[in-house]
N, C-alpha and C. Protein backbone atom coordinates (compact mmCIF):
# COMPACT_ATOMS: atom_id res chain seq x y z
N MET A 1 81.09 8.21 -12.16
CA MET A 1 79.51 7.88 -11.79
C MET A 1 78.59 8.96 -12.52
N SER A 2 77.67 8.87 -12.78
CA SER A 2 76.29 9.61 -13.14
C SER A 2 76.01 10.56 -12.09
N PRO A 3 75.63 11.50 -12.62
CA PRO A 3 75.30 11.85 -10.94
C PRO A 3 73.64 11.34 -10.36
N GLU A 4 73.41 10.49 -11.14
CA GLU A 4 72.25 9.82 -10.59
C GLU A 4 72.55 8.43 -9.98
N GLY A 5 73.54 8.21 -10.41
CA GLY A 5 74.53 7.02 -9.57
C GLY A 5 73.87 5.42 -10.24
N THR A 6 73.84 4.43 -9.58
CA THR A 6 74.08 3.22 -10.43
C THR A 6 73.25 2.25 -9.25
N LEU A 7 72.27 1.02 -9.59
CA LEU A 7 71.72 0.25 -8.02
C LEU A 7 72.84 -0.88 -8.65
N ALA A 8 73.13 -1.48 -8.01
CA ALA A 8 74.07 -2.74 -8.52
C ALA A 8 75.19 -2.83 -9.15
N GLY A 9 75.71 -1.68 -9.36
CA GLY A 9 76.66 -1.99 -11.10
C GLY A 9 75.75 -1.31 -11.92
N ARG A 10 74.11 -1.14 -11.86
CA ARG A 10 73.37 -1.20 -13.50
C ARG A 10 72.84 0.22 -13.16
N ALA A 11 71.97 1.07 -14.30
CA ALA A 11 71.58 1.82 -14.23
C ALA A 11 69.85 1.43 -13.97
N PRO A 12 69.61 1.90 -13.27
CA PRO A 12 67.94 1.37 -12.47
C PRO A 12 67.14 2.04 -13.90
N SER A 13 66.04 0.79 -13.97
CA SER A 13 64.79 1.01 -14.62
C SER A 13 64.17 2.26 -14.25
N ALA A 14 63.80 3.20 -15.06
CA ALA A 14 62.34 4.07 -14.92
C ALA A 14 61.31 3.10 -14.68
N ALA A 15 61.30 2.57 -15.69
CA ALA A 15 59.78 2.31 -15.80
C ALA A 15 59.45 0.95 -14.90
N LEU A 16 59.93 0.79 -13.94
CA LEU A 16 60.53 0.26 -12.71
C LEU A 16 59.95 0.23 -11.54
N ILE A 17 60.29 1.73 -11.49
CA ILE A 17 60.76 2.34 -10.34
C ILE A 17 59.76 4.22 -10.38
N VAL A 18 59.41 4.49 -11.37
CA VAL A 18 59.09 5.56 -11.16
C VAL A 18 57.12 4.89 -11.95
N PRO A 19 56.41 6.05 -10.95
CA PRO A 19 55.05 5.85 -11.14
C PRO A 19 54.35 6.09 -12.53
N SER A 20 53.51 5.90 -12.90
CA SER A 20 52.99 5.83 -14.63
C SER A 20 52.44 7.25 -14.27
N ARG A 21 52.20 7.82 -13.50
CA ARG A 21 51.55 8.95 -13.33
C ARG A 21 52.26 9.87 -12.05
N ALA A 22 53.64 10.85 -13.27
CA ALA A 22 54.06 11.96 -12.54
C ALA A 22 53.47 13.23 -12.58
N ASN A 23 52.77 13.72 -11.18
CA ASN A 23 51.89 14.57 -11.15
C ASN A 23 52.66 15.62 -10.78
N PRO A 24 52.36 17.09 -11.53
CA PRO A 24 52.94 18.17 -10.55
C PRO A 24 52.23 19.04 -9.53
N GLU A 25 50.40 19.00 -9.71
CA GLU A 25 49.86 18.90 -8.68
C GLU A 25 48.83 17.73 -8.40
N HIS A 26 48.31 17.74 -6.82
CA HIS A 26 47.14 16.87 -6.94
C HIS A 26 46.00 17.37 -7.69
N SER A 27 45.66 16.06 -8.10
CA SER A 27 44.22 15.76 -9.03
C SER A 27 43.86 15.32 -8.60
N VAL A 28 41.87 16.28 -8.00
CA VAL A 28 41.07 15.43 -7.19
C VAL A 28 39.94 15.14 -8.10
N THR A 29 39.46 14.30 -8.14
CA THR A 29 37.72 14.54 -8.99
C THR A 29 37.00 13.36 -8.15
N SER A 30 35.53 14.15 -7.65
CA SER A 30 34.67 13.56 -6.97
C SER A 30 33.96 12.74 -7.78
N LEU A 31 33.55 11.51 -7.30
CA LEU A 31 33.42 10.33 -8.17
C LEU A 31 31.92 9.87 -8.18
N PRO A 32 30.54 8.97 -9.17
CA PRO A 32 29.58 9.12 -9.23
C PRO A 32 29.03 8.94 -7.76
N LEU A 33 29.31 8.21 -7.14
CA LEU A 33 28.59 7.83 -5.31
C LEU A 33 29.00 8.84 -4.87
N ASP A 34 28.16 9.85 -4.02
CA ASP A 34 28.37 11.11 -3.37
C ASP A 34 29.15 10.78 -2.05
N GLY A 35 30.20 11.66 -2.14
CA GLY A 35 31.08 11.38 -1.36
C GLY A 35 32.94 10.95 -1.25
N LEU A 36 32.23 10.12 -2.54
CA LEU A 36 33.96 9.26 -2.70
C LEU A 36 34.71 10.55 -3.45
N VAL A 37 36.25 10.21 -3.18
CA VAL A 37 36.81 11.02 -3.96
C VAL A 37 38.30 10.42 -4.29
N LEU A 38 38.85 10.88 -5.55
CA LEU A 38 39.69 10.45 -6.20
C LEU A 38 40.78 10.91 -6.14
N VAL A 39 41.89 10.88 -5.50
CA VAL A 39 43.02 11.53 -5.33
C VAL A 39 44.19 11.16 -5.86
N GLU A 40 44.96 11.85 -7.17
CA GLU A 40 46.11 11.67 -7.50
C GLU A 40 47.01 12.35 -7.12
N LEU A 41 48.25 11.80 -6.87
CA LEU A 41 49.37 12.38 -5.76
C LEU A 41 50.50 13.28 -6.92
N VAL A 42 51.06 13.86 -5.72
CA VAL A 42 51.90 14.91 -6.45
C VAL A 42 53.31 13.83 -6.36
N VAL A 43 53.62 13.76 -7.47
CA VAL A 43 55.12 12.77 -7.64
C VAL A 43 56.07 13.35 -8.14
N HIS A 44 57.15 13.07 -7.55
CA HIS A 44 58.64 13.56 -8.37
C HIS A 44 59.59 12.53 -8.47
N GLY A 45 59.63 12.10 -9.79
CA GLY A 45 60.38 11.01 -10.17
C GLY A 45 61.36 11.26 -11.19
N ASP A 46 62.29 10.26 -11.30
CA ASP A 46 63.17 10.21 -12.60
C ASP A 46 63.96 8.63 -12.39
N SER A 47 65.08 8.30 -12.77
CA SER A 47 65.52 7.53 -13.34
C SER A 47 65.76 6.49 -11.84
N ARG A 48 66.05 7.66 -10.89
CA ARG A 48 66.38 7.04 -9.26
C ARG A 48 65.11 5.89 -8.45
N GLY A 49 63.97 6.99 -8.94
CA GLY A 49 63.19 6.30 -8.27
C GLY A 49 61.87 7.64 -7.95
N PHE A 50 61.35 7.77 -6.86
CA PHE A 50 60.70 8.69 -6.61
C PHE A 50 60.09 9.11 -5.17
N LEU A 51 59.70 10.54 -5.27
CA LEU A 51 59.03 10.89 -3.91
C LEU A 51 57.41 11.30 -4.27
N ALA A 52 56.49 10.71 -3.04
CA ALA A 52 55.15 11.00 -3.74
C ALA A 52 54.86 12.16 -2.29
N GLU A 53 53.80 12.69 -2.67
CA GLU A 53 53.39 13.74 -1.43
C GLU A 53 52.01 12.69 -1.10
N ARG A 54 51.76 11.88 0.15
CA ARG A 54 50.89 11.63 0.14
C ARG A 54 49.87 12.20 1.05
N PHE A 55 50.25 13.25 2.01
CA PHE A 55 49.20 14.06 2.49
C PHE A 55 49.99 15.32 2.64
N HIS A 56 49.05 16.33 1.80
CA HIS A 56 49.64 17.61 2.01
C HIS A 56 48.76 18.54 2.92
N LEU A 57 48.47 19.12 3.99
CA LEU A 57 47.30 19.97 4.66
C LEU A 57 46.66 20.95 4.14
N GLU A 58 47.34 21.69 3.24
CA GLU A 58 47.13 23.20 2.40
C GLU A 58 46.32 22.52 1.32
N ARG A 59 47.27 21.21 0.70
CA ARG A 59 45.90 20.64 -0.51
C ARG A 59 45.08 20.25 -0.29
N PHE A 60 44.85 19.63 0.61
CA PHE A 60 43.48 19.02 1.11
C PHE A 60 42.67 19.47 1.51
N GLU A 61 43.07 20.79 2.56
CA GLU A 61 42.07 21.68 2.87
C GLU A 61 41.41 22.48 1.73
N ALA A 62 42.24 22.76 0.91
CA ALA A 62 41.96 23.38 -0.49
C ALA A 62 40.99 22.78 -1.30
N HIS A 63 40.45 21.63 -1.43
CA HIS A 63 40.04 20.76 -1.91
C HIS A 63 38.61 20.18 -1.23
N GLY A 64 39.08 21.15 0.15
CA GLY A 64 37.60 19.67 0.94
C GLY A 64 37.70 18.59 1.19
N LEU A 65 38.64 18.16 1.10
CA LEU A 65 39.38 16.98 1.76
C LEU A 65 39.35 16.49 3.40
N PRO A 66 39.39 16.03 3.99
CA PRO A 66 39.41 15.62 5.45
C PRO A 66 41.06 15.59 6.25
N THR A 67 41.37 16.41 7.11
CA THR A 67 42.60 16.40 7.74
C THR A 67 42.36 16.43 8.99
N ALA A 68 41.72 16.10 9.81
CA ALA A 68 42.16 15.42 11.41
C ALA A 68 41.62 14.00 11.50
N PHE A 69 43.21 13.58 11.31
CA PHE A 69 42.76 11.83 10.83
C PHE A 69 42.98 11.49 12.71
N ALA A 70 42.76 10.42 12.82
CA ALA A 70 43.29 9.92 14.03
C ALA A 70 43.59 8.57 14.18
N GLN A 71 44.07 8.08 12.93
CA GLN A 71 44.93 6.56 13.17
C GLN A 71 45.20 6.29 11.79
N ASP A 72 46.86 5.88 11.46
CA ASP A 72 46.96 5.45 10.20
C ASP A 72 46.85 3.62 10.96
N ASN A 73 46.96 3.10 9.09
CA ASN A 73 46.74 1.23 8.83
C ASN A 73 47.71 1.09 8.09
N HIS A 74 48.01 -0.28 8.08
CA HIS A 74 48.83 -0.83 7.51
C HIS A 74 49.28 -1.88 7.12
N SER A 75 48.25 -2.78 5.98
CA SER A 75 47.68 -3.95 6.35
C SER A 75 49.06 -4.59 4.93
N ARG A 76 49.15 -5.86 4.59
CA ARG A 76 49.91 -6.97 3.78
C ARG A 76 48.88 -7.72 3.70
N SER A 77 48.37 -8.16 2.54
CA SER A 77 47.97 -9.08 1.81
C SER A 77 48.95 -9.97 0.97
N ALA A 78 48.78 -11.18 1.13
CA ALA A 78 49.15 -12.41 -0.05
C ALA A 78 48.53 -12.19 -1.60
N PRO A 79 49.14 -12.55 -2.31
CA PRO A 79 48.40 -12.61 -3.74
C PRO A 79 47.16 -13.72 -4.04
N GLY A 80 45.95 -12.93 -4.40
CA GLY A 80 44.93 -13.45 -4.29
C GLY A 80 43.84 -13.60 -2.98
N VAL A 81 44.45 -12.60 -1.76
CA VAL A 81 43.77 -12.61 -1.24
C VAL A 81 42.56 -10.98 -1.47
N LEU A 82 41.41 -11.64 -0.57
CA LEU A 82 40.11 -10.60 -1.13
C LEU A 82 39.72 -10.16 0.47
N ARG A 83 39.40 -9.02 1.02
CA ARG A 83 39.50 -8.29 2.45
C ARG A 83 38.12 -7.59 1.95
N GLY A 84 37.04 -7.81 3.22
CA GLY A 84 35.91 -7.13 2.73
C GLY A 84 34.35 -7.87 2.70
N LEU A 85 33.50 -6.91 2.71
CA LEU A 85 33.44 -5.83 2.48
C LEU A 85 33.22 -5.15 3.77
N HIS A 86 34.10 -4.44 4.47
CA HIS A 86 33.70 -3.82 5.58
C HIS A 86 33.17 -2.36 6.38
N TYR A 87 32.85 -2.02 7.38
CA TYR A 87 32.53 -0.49 7.45
C TYR A 87 32.27 -0.55 9.34
N GLN A 88 32.78 0.51 9.90
CA GLN A 88 32.71 0.86 11.06
C GLN A 88 31.44 2.51 11.34
N HIS A 89 30.51 1.65 12.35
CA HIS A 89 29.57 2.88 12.15
C HIS A 89 30.05 3.88 13.66
N GLN A 90 30.76 2.80 14.85
CA GLN A 90 30.79 3.27 16.36
C GLN A 90 32.14 3.01 16.37
N PRO A 91 32.82 4.36 16.53
CA PRO A 91 32.09 5.57 15.86
C PRO A 91 32.70 5.68 14.26
N ALA A 92 31.97 6.53 13.84
CA ALA A 92 32.04 6.32 12.06
C ALA A 92 33.09 6.88 11.70
N GLN A 93 33.71 6.00 10.66
CA GLN A 93 34.61 5.93 10.42
C GLN A 93 35.14 5.85 8.73
N GLY A 94 35.77 7.05 8.53
CA GLY A 94 36.25 7.51 6.82
C GLY A 94 37.30 6.64 7.05
N LYS A 95 38.27 6.64 5.93
CA LYS A 95 39.06 6.12 5.23
C LYS A 95 40.00 6.30 3.84
N LEU A 96 41.12 7.16 4.23
CA LEU A 96 41.83 7.49 3.20
C LEU A 96 42.66 6.17 2.62
N VAL A 97 42.31 5.79 1.10
CA VAL A 97 43.17 4.50 1.20
C VAL A 97 43.75 4.63 -0.12
N GLY A 98 45.45 3.90 0.17
CA GLY A 98 46.16 4.11 -0.99
C GLY A 98 47.02 2.76 -1.13
N VAL A 99 47.93 2.32 -1.86
CA VAL A 99 48.47 1.36 -2.14
C VAL A 99 50.45 1.79 -2.02
N VAL A 100 51.16 1.03 -1.06
CA VAL A 100 52.62 1.51 -1.16
C VAL A 100 53.32 0.49 -1.68
N ARG A 101 52.82 -1.02 -2.31
CA ARG A 101 53.09 -1.67 -2.61
C ARG A 101 52.57 -3.09 -3.54
N GLY A 102 52.39 -3.37 -4.72
CA GLY A 102 51.69 -4.35 -5.60
C GLY A 102 50.18 -3.34 -5.84
N ARG A 103 49.50 -4.06 -5.85
CA ARG A 103 48.47 -3.97 -6.76
C ARG A 103 46.94 -4.28 -6.17
N VAL A 104 45.72 -3.51 -6.37
CA VAL A 104 44.58 -3.58 -5.59
C VAL A 104 43.48 -3.54 -6.44
N TRP A 105 42.28 -4.61 -6.74
CA TRP A 105 41.11 -3.91 -7.15
C TRP A 105 40.03 -3.22 -5.56
N ASP A 106 40.12 -2.20 -5.74
CA ASP A 106 39.22 -1.23 -4.61
C ASP A 106 38.22 -1.12 -4.49
N VAL A 107 37.23 -1.16 -3.83
CA VAL A 107 35.70 -1.57 -3.81
C VAL A 107 34.83 -0.16 -2.67
N ALA A 108 34.10 0.08 -2.85
CA ALA A 108 33.56 1.03 -2.35
C ALA A 108 32.05 1.44 -2.32
N VAL A 109 31.28 0.68 -1.76
CA VAL A 109 29.56 0.25 -1.88
C VAL A 109 28.98 1.38 -1.13
N ASP A 110 27.93 1.78 -1.33
CA ASP A 110 27.10 2.78 -0.72
C ASP A 110 26.08 1.99 0.37
N ILE A 111 26.24 2.30 1.81
CA ILE A 111 25.42 1.82 2.30
C ILE A 111 24.69 2.47 3.03
N ARG A 112 24.48 3.51 2.60
CA ARG A 112 23.47 4.71 3.51
C ARG A 112 21.74 4.59 3.25
N PRO A 113 21.03 4.34 3.53
CA PRO A 113 19.59 3.88 3.25
C PRO A 113 19.11 5.12 2.33
N ALA A 114 19.55 6.41 2.89
CA ALA A 114 18.91 7.28 2.65
C ALA A 114 19.24 8.04 1.37
N SER A 115 20.76 7.53 1.13
CA SER A 115 21.30 7.58 -0.05
C SER A 115 20.59 7.59 -1.56
N PRO A 116 20.37 8.43 -2.37
CA PRO A 116 19.91 7.85 -4.23
C PRO A 116 20.75 7.09 -4.44
N THR A 117 22.17 7.00 -4.02
CA THR A 117 22.90 5.45 -4.58
C THR A 117 23.01 4.37 -3.86
N PHE A 118 22.08 4.25 -2.65
CA PHE A 118 22.25 2.69 -1.80
C PHE A 118 22.26 1.65 -2.77
N GLY A 119 23.34 1.01 -2.17
CA GLY A 119 23.39 -0.03 -3.00
C GLY A 119 23.94 -0.25 -3.95
N GLN A 120 24.79 0.65 -4.69
CA GLN A 120 25.77 0.99 -5.94
C GLN A 120 27.14 0.96 -4.76
N HIS A 121 27.96 0.56 -5.87
CA HIS A 121 29.45 0.63 -6.08
C HIS A 121 30.37 1.28 -7.10
N ILE A 122 31.28 1.36 -6.94
CA ILE A 122 32.55 1.61 -7.72
C ILE A 122 33.57 0.92 -7.24
N GLY A 123 34.57 0.51 -8.09
CA GLY A 123 35.48 -0.58 -8.02
C GLY A 123 36.75 0.10 -9.28
N LEU A 124 37.95 0.12 -8.42
CA LEU A 124 39.18 1.00 -9.50
C LEU A 124 40.24 0.20 -8.89
N GLU A 125 41.05 0.31 -9.63
CA GLU A 125 42.89 0.02 -9.36
C GLU A 125 43.54 0.70 -8.45
N LEU A 126 44.14 0.53 -7.63
CA LEU A 126 44.95 1.53 -6.86
C LEU A 126 46.25 0.35 -6.73
N SER A 127 47.49 1.02 -7.12
CA SER A 127 48.88 0.28 -6.54
C SER A 127 49.63 1.40 -6.25
N ASP A 128 51.04 0.79 -6.44
CA ASP A 128 52.49 1.59 -5.70
C ASP A 128 52.44 2.58 -7.02
N MET A 129 51.93 2.03 -7.97
CA MET A 129 52.68 2.82 -9.32
C MET A 129 51.75 3.68 -10.47
N ASN A 130 50.21 3.70 -9.75
CA ASN A 130 48.97 4.66 -10.49
C ASN A 130 49.25 5.93 -9.58
N GLY A 131 49.66 6.15 -8.73
CA GLY A 131 49.71 7.37 -7.84
C GLY A 131 48.63 8.09 -7.42
N ARG A 132 47.90 6.76 -7.07
CA ARG A 132 46.07 6.82 -6.84
C ARG A 132 45.84 6.78 -5.31
N LEU A 133 45.21 7.90 -4.24
CA LEU A 133 44.06 7.36 -3.38
C LEU A 133 42.80 7.79 -3.24
N LEU A 134 41.69 7.16 -2.76
CA LEU A 134 40.31 6.63 -2.69
C LEU A 134 40.05 7.52 -1.46
N TRP A 135 39.33 8.41 -0.84
CA TRP A 135 38.45 8.97 -0.14
C TRP A 135 37.03 8.28 0.05
N ILE A 136 37.08 7.62 1.36
CA ILE A 136 36.15 6.69 1.24
C ILE A 136 35.28 7.11 2.51
N PRO A 137 34.18 7.80 2.53
CA PRO A 137 33.36 8.24 3.81
C PRO A 137 32.81 7.13 4.65
N PRO A 138 32.72 7.65 5.84
CA PRO A 138 31.40 7.08 6.68
C PRO A 138 30.26 6.49 5.70
N GLY A 139 29.37 5.11 5.95
CA GLY A 139 28.58 5.05 5.48
C GLY A 139 28.88 4.32 3.82
N PHE A 140 30.07 4.08 3.92
CA PHE A 140 30.35 2.91 2.63
C PHE A 140 31.10 1.49 3.06
N ALA A 141 30.83 0.51 2.44
CA ALA A 141 31.68 -0.90 2.68
C ALA A 141 32.78 -0.46 2.08
N HIS A 142 33.82 -0.96 2.55
CA HIS A 142 35.05 -1.15 1.99
C HIS A 142 35.77 -2.53 1.47
N GLY A 143 36.21 -2.99 0.48
CA GLY A 143 36.91 -4.04 0.46
C GLY A 143 38.01 -3.26 -0.98
N PHE A 144 38.86 -5.01 -0.90
CA PHE A 144 39.93 -5.43 -1.87
C PHE A 144 40.12 -6.33 -2.33
N CYS A 145 40.91 -6.80 -3.68
CA CYS A 145 41.03 -7.95 -3.64
C CYS A 145 42.84 -7.63 -4.34
N VAL A 146 43.42 -8.35 -4.12
CA VAL A 146 45.04 -8.30 -4.45
C VAL A 146 45.15 -8.87 -5.91
N LEU A 147 45.88 -8.26 -7.03
CA LEU A 147 45.57 -8.11 -8.07
C LEU A 147 47.70 -8.87 -8.40
N GLY A 148 47.79 -9.66 -9.28
CA GLY A 148 49.09 -10.12 -9.68
C GLY A 148 49.71 -10.81 -9.11
N ASP A 149 51.21 -11.01 -8.92
CA ASP A 149 51.96 -12.51 -8.29
C ASP A 149 52.76 -12.32 -7.30
N GLU A 150 52.40 -10.72 -7.04
CA GLU A 150 53.14 -9.92 -5.49
C GLU A 150 52.09 -9.67 -4.54
N PRO A 151 52.35 -9.61 -3.50
CA PRO A 151 51.52 -8.83 -2.36
C PRO A 151 51.23 -7.86 -2.13
N ALA A 152 50.16 -7.13 -1.86
CA ALA A 152 50.38 -6.18 -1.28
C ALA A 152 50.03 -5.27 -0.14
N ASP A 153 50.68 -4.28 -0.16
CA ASP A 153 50.23 -3.28 1.12
C ASP A 153 49.67 -2.56 1.06
N VAL A 154 48.56 -2.14 1.63
CA VAL A 154 47.83 -1.32 1.85
C VAL A 154 47.64 -0.19 2.69
N TYR A 155 47.72 1.28 2.55
CA TYR A 155 48.33 1.92 3.97
C TYR A 155 47.21 2.77 3.90
N TYR A 156 46.47 2.99 5.20
CA TYR A 156 45.02 4.24 4.99
C TYR A 156 45.29 4.70 6.60
N LYS A 157 44.67 5.72 6.26
CA LYS A 157 44.63 6.88 6.88
C LYS A 157 42.99 7.24 7.37
N VAL A 158 42.39 6.98 8.56
CA VAL A 158 41.32 7.05 9.51
C VAL A 158 41.05 7.93 10.41
N ASP A 159 39.71 8.56 10.23
CA ASP A 159 39.41 9.92 10.56
C ASP A 159 38.27 9.64 12.12
N ALA A 160 38.78 8.13 12.80
CA ALA A 160 38.30 7.72 13.85
C ALA A 160 38.63 6.32 14.15
N PRO A 161 39.16 6.66 15.83
CA PRO A 161 40.00 5.31 16.01
C PRO A 161 39.11 4.43 16.05
N TYR A 162 39.90 3.07 15.90
CA TYR A 162 39.10 1.67 15.44
C TYR A 162 38.39 1.45 16.63
N GLY A 163 37.01 1.11 16.59
CA GLY A 163 36.24 0.54 17.51
C GLY A 163 35.38 -0.87 17.15
N PRO A 164 35.82 -2.09 18.05
CA PRO A 164 35.26 -3.37 17.34
C PRO A 164 33.79 -3.33 17.76
N ALA A 165 33.29 -2.76 19.16
CA ALA A 165 32.01 -2.60 19.01
C ALA A 165 31.23 -2.10 17.63
N GLY A 166 31.57 -1.59 17.04
CA GLY A 166 31.16 -0.45 15.68
C GLY A 166 31.47 -0.97 14.51
N GLU A 167 32.47 -2.27 14.39
CA GLU A 167 31.97 -3.35 13.11
C GLU A 167 31.13 -3.89 12.80
N GLY A 168 31.67 -3.81 11.16
CA GLY A 168 30.28 -4.51 10.38
C GLY A 168 31.03 -5.12 8.83
N GLY A 169 30.28 -5.56 8.57
CA GLY A 169 30.20 -6.14 6.99
C GLY A 169 29.39 -6.58 6.60
N VAL A 170 29.18 -6.69 4.92
CA VAL A 170 28.47 -7.50 4.03
C VAL A 170 29.05 -8.56 3.18
N ARG A 171 28.80 -9.40 2.85
CA ARG A 171 28.94 -10.39 2.14
C ARG A 171 30.10 -9.91 1.01
N TRP A 172 31.56 -10.34 0.74
CA TRP A 172 31.59 -9.49 -0.68
C TRP A 172 31.14 -10.27 -1.92
N ASN A 173 30.59 -11.10 -1.93
CA ASN A 173 30.00 -12.24 -3.29
C ASN A 173 28.27 -11.76 -3.20
N ASP A 174 28.11 -10.75 -2.37
CA ASP A 174 26.55 -11.01 -2.53
C ASP A 174 25.46 -10.54 -3.59
N ALA A 175 25.08 -11.53 -4.16
CA ALA A 175 23.97 -11.78 -5.57
C ALA A 175 23.19 -10.06 -5.35
N GLN A 176 22.97 -9.56 -4.38
CA GLN A 176 22.39 -8.47 -5.04
C GLN A 176 23.30 -7.54 -5.22
N LEU A 177 24.35 -6.60 -4.86
CA LEU A 177 25.40 -5.73 -4.86
C LEU A 177 25.96 -6.16 -6.79
N GLY A 178 26.22 -7.56 -6.90
CA GLY A 178 26.68 -7.34 -7.83
C GLY A 178 27.95 -7.22 -8.36
N ILE A 179 28.70 -7.03 -7.67
CA ILE A 179 30.22 -6.89 -7.85
C ILE A 179 30.75 -7.66 -8.70
N ARG A 180 31.33 -7.30 -9.61
CA ARG A 180 32.31 -7.68 -10.75
C ARG A 180 33.67 -7.68 -10.29
N TRP A 181 34.20 -8.68 -9.30
CA TRP A 181 35.49 -9.15 -8.75
C TRP A 181 36.69 -9.38 -9.80
N PRO A 182 37.64 -8.91 -10.10
CA PRO A 182 38.24 -9.44 -11.06
C PRO A 182 38.95 -10.65 -10.67
N MET A 183 38.49 -11.86 -10.09
CA MET A 183 38.92 -13.57 -9.90
C MET A 183 37.75 -13.91 -9.55
N GLU A 184 38.26 -15.47 -10.14
CA GLU A 184 36.75 -16.27 -9.91
C GLU A 184 36.77 -16.93 -8.69
N ARG A 185 38.00 -17.21 -7.60
CA ARG A 185 38.09 -17.92 -6.69
C ARG A 185 38.82 -17.20 -5.53
N PRO A 186 38.80 -16.15 -4.71
CA PRO A 186 39.54 -14.96 -3.99
C PRO A 186 40.12 -16.17 -2.55
N LEU A 187 40.88 -15.93 -1.84
CA LEU A 187 41.21 -16.45 -0.47
C LEU A 187 40.41 -14.92 0.22
N VAL A 188 39.46 -15.98 0.84
CA VAL A 188 38.74 -15.04 1.93
C VAL A 188 38.80 -15.62 3.29
N SER A 189 38.68 -14.90 4.57
CA SER A 189 38.76 -15.85 5.62
C SER A 189 37.58 -16.09 6.03
N GLU A 190 37.53 -16.95 6.86
CA GLU A 190 35.78 -17.64 7.13
C GLU A 190 35.22 -16.13 7.81
N ARG A 191 35.82 -15.48 8.19
CA ARG A 191 35.44 -14.39 9.17
C ARG A 191 34.26 -13.43 7.88
N ASP A 192 35.21 -13.36 6.96
CA ASP A 192 34.50 -12.24 6.01
C ASP A 192 33.16 -12.94 5.20
N ALA A 193 33.65 -14.40 5.37
CA ALA A 193 32.80 -15.39 4.40
C ALA A 193 31.13 -15.60 5.37
N ALA A 194 31.66 -15.02 6.39
CA ALA A 194 30.46 -15.37 7.00
C ALA A 194 29.28 -14.26 7.34
N LEU A 195 30.01 -12.87 6.56
CA LEU A 195 29.41 -11.52 6.75
C LEU A 195 27.92 -11.69 6.42
N PRO A 196 27.09 -10.81 7.05
CA PRO A 196 25.41 -11.01 6.24
C PRO A 196 25.16 -10.39 4.77
N THR A 197 24.24 -10.43 4.71
CA THR A 197 24.14 -10.63 3.20
C THR A 197 23.23 -9.09 3.06
N PHE A 198 23.38 -8.67 1.88
CA PHE A 198 22.99 -7.15 1.90
C PHE A 198 21.60 -6.91 2.25
N ALA A 199 20.39 -7.93 2.16
CA ALA A 199 18.93 -8.37 2.57
C ALA A 199 19.44 -7.72 3.77
N ALA A 200 20.30 -8.73 4.62
CA ALA A 200 20.01 -8.78 6.23
C ALA A 200 20.74 -7.06 6.74
N TYR A 201 21.36 -6.87 6.16
CA TYR A 201 21.73 -5.34 6.23
C TYR A 201 21.03 -4.86 6.60
N GLN A 202 20.12 -4.77 5.17
CA GLN A 202 19.03 -3.64 4.97
C GLN A 202 17.60 -4.04 6.60
N GLU A 203 17.33 -4.85 7.21
CA GLU A 203 16.68 -4.89 7.72
C GLU A 203 16.87 -4.49 9.37
N ASP A 204 18.08 -3.88 9.42
CA ASP A 204 18.69 -2.88 10.60
C ASP A 204 19.56 -2.54 10.36
N PRO A 205 19.95 -0.82 10.03
CA PRO A 205 21.36 -0.62 9.10
C PRO A 205 21.78 0.52 10.35
N PRO A 206 22.88 0.75 10.15
CA PRO A 206 23.28 1.77 11.24
C PRO A 206 22.70 2.96 10.73
N ALA A 207 22.61 4.03 11.54
CA ALA A 207 21.77 5.59 11.47
C ALA A 207 23.24 6.12 11.00
N TRP A 208 23.36 6.70 9.48
CA TRP A 208 24.65 7.36 9.22
C TRP A 208 24.32 8.92 9.21
N ASP A 209 25.10 9.31 9.52
CA ASP A 209 25.20 10.64 9.72
C ASP A 209 25.78 11.54 8.22
N ALA A 210 24.90 12.13 8.09
CA ALA A 210 25.31 12.29 6.74
C ALA A 210 25.89 13.92 6.40
N THR A 211 25.94 14.06 7.82
CA THR A 211 26.69 15.70 7.76
C THR A 211 28.51 15.48 7.60
N ARG A 212 28.84 13.79 7.80
CA ARG A 212 30.44 13.35 7.85
C ARG A 212 30.54 12.49 6.03
N SER A 213 29.90 13.41 5.34
CA SER A 213 30.26 12.66 3.93
C SER A 213 31.24 13.00 3.62
């Protein structure tokens, strides 16, 4: 047997199990909407698979990223599902979002009325193979849809505990926001389909703390 071993009597395919980006160091990029940060993980991979450093205290501190998290969440969604757009304002909650299985199109919308990019959004693909995390600070609404034919497992760390009294949301297909989701007829819950429009949100928005971006 070779030092790398075999799987079910056959050599594993590196293309199937090793992420497309094998980064020796965390890459951290500030995105055009203030506060949004893209993290590309440290990934150690070979033909057997990989190990990804999803959180590293010293590296996160060096880049000014949050390190005090209150809760970890793991959700699974079937192909074609769309969740969102959600936010929490009491207590205000930021989240570090990544995917440990499958692929999603992830969207963050700036819903801070005082922000120069109020109402703008960013969308990007997160997957188990591209080694990306997205830090979404308080004051953004977040949603995603599952790409491809397999379920997606989204794993995220939040910096404040769940507070049902402070939950809110904006409708995923709001015309004013104009988000171009990469699917025409997603599977959306009744609750998400009934979320307020962006115009309704603007009538009485929460007071977001600018110091927590």
